[in-house]
Amino acid sequence: MLSVYLRGMLISIALVSSIGMQNLFVFNSAMANRLRRAFLIASFVWLTDTALTVVAFLGMGALITHYTWLKLIILFVGGGIVFWMGYGIFKGASATSLEGAVKPLPLKEAFVSAWAVAFANPQAIIDTSVSFGAMRSTLARGEVLPFLLGILSSTFLWFFGVTLIIGVLKNRLPRRFLMWVNLISGAIVMVYGCTLVWTAIKLLL
């Protein structure tokens, strides 16, 4: 069972380490907050990622694959939300450049945002559900739990590790570093949102 657990960890770290909305959120949180508060927000992100992973293992990917209309709704609605979130990041970066300081999110907003970057991101929902759903089908009944625990352990180490590294190093970075990261990130996320909506439009054509 240890080999199954380690396989889950390796697959998960390969997926979670790519630059995505969750990682951008964790990065920005670590830059804008004291380490203890940043760890709390990282726990929000890990909790929502865990929920998405469990839902994926329960077969959400099969539903998305089977019902095209469900995929279209996820792409249209999620794409719009992703674009709006990207605009918020971009606008926040502009405000930071004018005020010269970063305003951390209130914890309630951070909690809601953590759920949004997981469940309002259609590509994450589709990719995670389909890929993990496919992996689930290759496992024997006794292998499901250790594989799932491997995935969850890996994401825990990743999100908290990124938070720790950024939290320790942030004071050595240039003052406007976060502003430029947010400007670039916001632009990328807005383009990403438009791409998701365009993907949905192409499915209709």
Protein backbone atom coordinates (compact mmCIF):
# COMPACT_ATOMS: atom_id res chain seq x y z
CA MET A 1 0.00 0.00 0.00
CA LEU A 2 2.99 2.31 0.53
CA SER A 3 3.73 2.19 -3.19
CA VAL A 4 0.13 3.25 -3.95
CA TYR A 5 0.40 6.10 -1.42
CA LEU A 6 3.68 7.31 -2.97
CA ARG A 7 2.21 7.04 -6.47
CA GLY A 8 -0.65 9.30 -5.39
CA MET A 9 1.86 11.79 -3.97
CA LEU A 10 3.97 11.85 -7.14
CA ILE A 11 1.00 12.29 -9.47
CA SER A 12 -0.46 15.01 -7.27
CA ILE A 13 2.77 17.02 -6.99
CA ALA A 14 3.12 16.93 -10.77
CA LEU A 15 -0.40 18.35 -11.14
CA VAL A 16 -0.40 20.91 -8.32
CA SER A 17 3.05 22.35 -9.08
CA SER A 18 1.92 23.85 -12.38
CA ILE A 19 1.17 27.59 -12.33
CA GLY A 20 -2.55 27.89 -11.67
CA MET A 21 -5.07 30.05 -9.87
CA GLN A 22 -4.65 28.24 -6.56
CA ASN A 23 -0.89 28.71 -6.59
CA LEU A 24 -1.25 32.38 -7.52
CA PHE A 25 -3.69 32.83 -4.65
CA VAL A 26 -1.36 31.11 -2.16
CA PHE A 27 1.60 33.13 -3.45
CA ASN A 28 -0.23 36.46 -3.15
CA SER A 29 -1.52 35.51 0.30
CA ALA A 30 1.98 34.72 1.54
CA MET A 31 3.26 38.03 0.15
CA ALA A 32 0.47 40.13 1.68
CA ASN A 33 0.09 38.52 5.13
CA ARG A 34 2.09 37.61 8.19
CA LEU A 35 3.20 33.99 8.15
CA ARG A 36 0.66 32.73 10.72
CA ARG A 37 -2.24 34.31 8.81
CA ALA A 38 -0.85 33.11 5.49
CA PHE A 39 -0.76 29.54 6.86
CA LEU A 40 -4.42 29.86 7.86
CA ILE A 41 -5.34 30.96 4.32
CA ALA A 42 -3.22 28.12 2.90
CA SER A 43 -5.33 25.74 5.00
CA PHE A 44 -8.44 27.20 3.33
CA VAL A 45 -6.94 26.46 -0.09
CA TRP A 46 -5.96 22.93 0.93
CA LEU A 47 -9.47 22.30 2.31
CA THR A 48 -11.14 23.40 -0.93
CA ASP A 49 -8.66 21.44 -3.04
CA THR A 50 -9.39 18.39 -0.88
CA ALA A 51 -13.12 18.84 -1.46
CA LEU A 52 -12.57 19.09 -5.23
CA THR A 53 -10.38 15.98 -5.23
CA VAL A 54 -12.91 13.93 -3.24
CA VAL A 55 -15.76 15.04 -5.52
CA ALA A 56 -13.64 14.07 -8.52
CA PHE A 57 -13.05 10.61 -7.06
CA LEU A 58 -16.79 10.23 -6.48
CA GLY A 59 -17.37 10.42 -10.23
CA MET A 60 -18.06 14.04 -11.18
CA GLY A 61 -15.84 13.57 -14.22
CA ALA A 62 -18.17 10.91 -15.60
CA LEU A 63 -21.11 13.33 -15.35
CA ILE A 64 -19.20 16.11 -17.12
CA THR A 65 -18.07 13.75 -19.88
CA HIS A 66 -21.58 12.35 -20.36
CA TYR A 67 -23.57 15.60 -20.30
CA THR A 68 -22.30 18.19 -22.78
CA TRP A 69 -24.75 20.81 -21.49
CA LEU A 70 -23.20 20.52 -18.02
CA LYS A 71 -19.75 21.08 -19.47
CA LEU A 72 -21.03 24.13 -21.37
CA ILE A 73 -22.55 25.65 -18.24
CA ILE A 74 -19.32 25.09 -16.29
CA LEU A 75 -17.25 26.69 -19.08
CA PHE A 76 -19.53 29.70 -19.63
CA VAL A 77 -20.22 30.53 -15.99
CA GLY A 78 -16.78 29.59 -14.75
CA GLY A 79 -15.06 31.46 -17.58
CA GLY A 80 -16.93 34.63 -16.66
CA ILE A 81 -16.04 34.25 -12.98
CA VAL A 82 -12.39 33.57 -13.81
CA PHE A 83 -12.26 36.72 -15.97
CA TRP A 84 -13.80 38.78 -13.17
CA MET A 85 -11.31 37.39 -10.65
CA GLY A 86 -8.45 38.23 -13.02
CA TYR A 87 -9.79 41.77 -13.34
CA GLY A 88 -9.88 42.02 -9.55
CA ILE A 89 -6.23 40.91 -9.30
CA PHE A 90 -5.22 43.40 -12.02
CA LYS A 91 -7.16 46.24 -10.40
CA GLY A 92 -5.69 45.40 -6.99
CA ALA A 93 -2.19 45.56 -8.46
CA SER A 94 -2.89 49.05 -9.83
CA ALA A 95 -4.15 50.17 -6.42
CA THR A 96 -1.02 48.75 -4.81
CA SER A 97 1.18 50.78 -7.15
CA LEU A 98 -0.66 53.98 -6.17
CA GLU A 99 -0.88 53.37 -2.43
CA GLY A 100 2.48 51.65 -2.01
CA ALA A 101 1.07 48.99 0.33
CA VAL A 102 -0.69 45.66 0.08
CA LYS A 103 -4.04 45.32 1.84
CA PRO A 104 -4.59 41.73 3.00
CA LEU A 105 -8.00 40.20 2.39
CA PRO A 106 -10.33 39.83 5.39
CA LEU A 107 -10.45 36.18 6.44
CA LYS A 108 -14.08 35.77 5.32
CA GLU A 109 -13.20 37.02 1.83
CA ALA A 110 -10.09 34.84 1.79
CA PHE A 111 -12.20 31.79 2.68
CA VAL A 112 -14.71 32.52 -0.10
CA SER A 113 -11.89 33.22 -2.56
CA ALA A 114 -10.26 29.89 -1.72
CA TRP A 115 -13.47 28.09 -2.70
CA ALA A 116 -13.78 30.24 -5.82
CA VAL A 117 -10.29 29.47 -7.16
CA ALA A 118 -11.09 25.76 -6.84
CA PHE A 119 -14.76 25.43 -7.79
CA ALA A 120 -15.23 28.49 -10.03
CA ASN A 121 -12.34 27.44 -12.25
CA PRO A 122 -13.92 25.25 -14.93
CA GLN A 123 -10.65 23.90 -16.30
CA ALA A 124 -9.65 22.74 -12.81
CA ILE A 125 -13.05 21.10 -12.33
CA ILE A 126 -12.97 19.36 -15.70
CA ASP A 127 -9.30 18.32 -15.66
CA THR A 128 -9.30 17.20 -12.04
CA SER A 129 -12.59 15.34 -12.32
CA VAL A 130 -11.76 13.55 -15.55
CA SER A 131 -8.12 12.72 -14.71
CA PHE A 132 -8.76 11.61 -11.12
CA GLY A 133 -11.91 9.81 -12.19
CA ALA A 134 -9.87 7.88 -14.75
CA MET A 135 -7.21 7.06 -12.14
CA ARG A 136 -9.91 5.90 -9.73
CA SER A 137 -11.09 3.34 -12.27
CA THR A 138 -7.63 1.72 -12.38
CA LEU A 139 -7.42 1.16 -8.63
CA ALA A 140 -8.59 -1.84 -6.65
CA ARG A 141 -11.02 -1.12 -3.82
CA GLY A 142 -8.31 -1.40 -1.16
CA GLU A 143 -5.99 0.98 -3.05
CA VAL A 144 -8.39 3.94 -3.27
CA LEU A 145 -7.85 5.27 0.26
CA PRO A 146 -4.00 5.17 0.30
CA PHE A 147 -3.91 6.72 -3.19
CA LEU A 148 -6.28 9.49 -2.11
CA LEU A 149 -4.27 10.08 1.08
CA GLY A 150 -1.13 10.36 -1.04
CA ILE A 151 -2.76 13.06 -3.16
CA LEU A 152 -3.97 15.01 -0.12
CA SER A 153 -0.60 14.74 1.65
CA SER A 154 1.17 16.05 -1.43
CA THR A 155 -1.08 19.09 -1.83
CA PHE A 156 -0.77 19.83 1.91
CA LEU A 157 3.02 19.85 1.71
CA TRP A 158 2.95 21.93 -1.48
CA PHE A 159 0.61 24.72 -0.35
CA PHE A 160 2.20 25.06 3.09
CA GLY A 161 5.71 24.74 1.65
CA VAL A 162 5.10 27.53 -0.87
CA THR A 163 3.62 29.69 1.89
CA LEU A 164 6.63 29.10 4.15
CA ILE A 165 9.21 29.82 1.44
CA ILE A 166 7.51 33.02 0.23
CA GLY A 167 6.81 34.14 3.80
CA VAL A 168 10.48 33.81 4.72
CA LEU A 169 11.87 35.40 1.54
CA LYS A 170 9.34 38.17 0.85
CA ASN A 171 11.17 40.86 2.83
CA ARG A 172 14.20 40.37 0.59
CA LEU A 173 12.19 41.01 -2.58
CA PRO A 174 11.81 44.47 -4.19
CA ARG A 175 8.89 46.53 -2.87
CA ARG A 176 7.05 46.53 -6.20
CA PHE A 177 7.59 42.83 -6.86
CA LEU A 178 4.05 41.84 -5.81
CA MET A 179 2.58 44.64 -7.91
CA TRP A 180 4.23 43.29 -11.06
CA VAL A 181 3.34 39.70 -10.18
CA ASN A 182 -0.31 40.73 -9.79
CA LEU A 183 -0.35 42.78 -12.99
CA ILE A 184 1.00 39.83 -14.98
CA SER A 185 -1.14 37.28 -13.10
CA GLY A 186 -4.30 39.35 -13.53
CA ALA A 187 -3.71 39.68 -17.27
CA ILE A 188 -3.05 35.94 -17.62
CA VAL A 189 -6.18 35.02 -15.63
CA MET A 190 -8.36 37.40 -17.70
CA VAL A 191 -7.06 35.88 -20.95
CA TYR A 192 -7.62 32.43 -19.45
CA GLY A 193 -11.24 33.32 -18.65
CA CYS A 194 -11.81 34.51 -22.22
CA THR A 195 -10.25 31.28 -23.52
CA LEU A 196 -12.65 29.18 -21.44
CA VAL A 197 -15.67 31.08 -22.77
CA TRP A 198 -14.33 30.72 -26.33
CA THR A 199 -13.94 26.97 -25.76
CA ALA A 200 -17.62 26.80 -24.79
CA ILE A 201 -18.61 28.80 -27.88
CA LYS A 202 -16.66 26.40 -30.12
CA LEU A 203 -18.54 23.47 -28.57
CA LEU A 204 -21.79 25.11 -29.66
CA LEU A 205 -20.65 25.68 -33.25
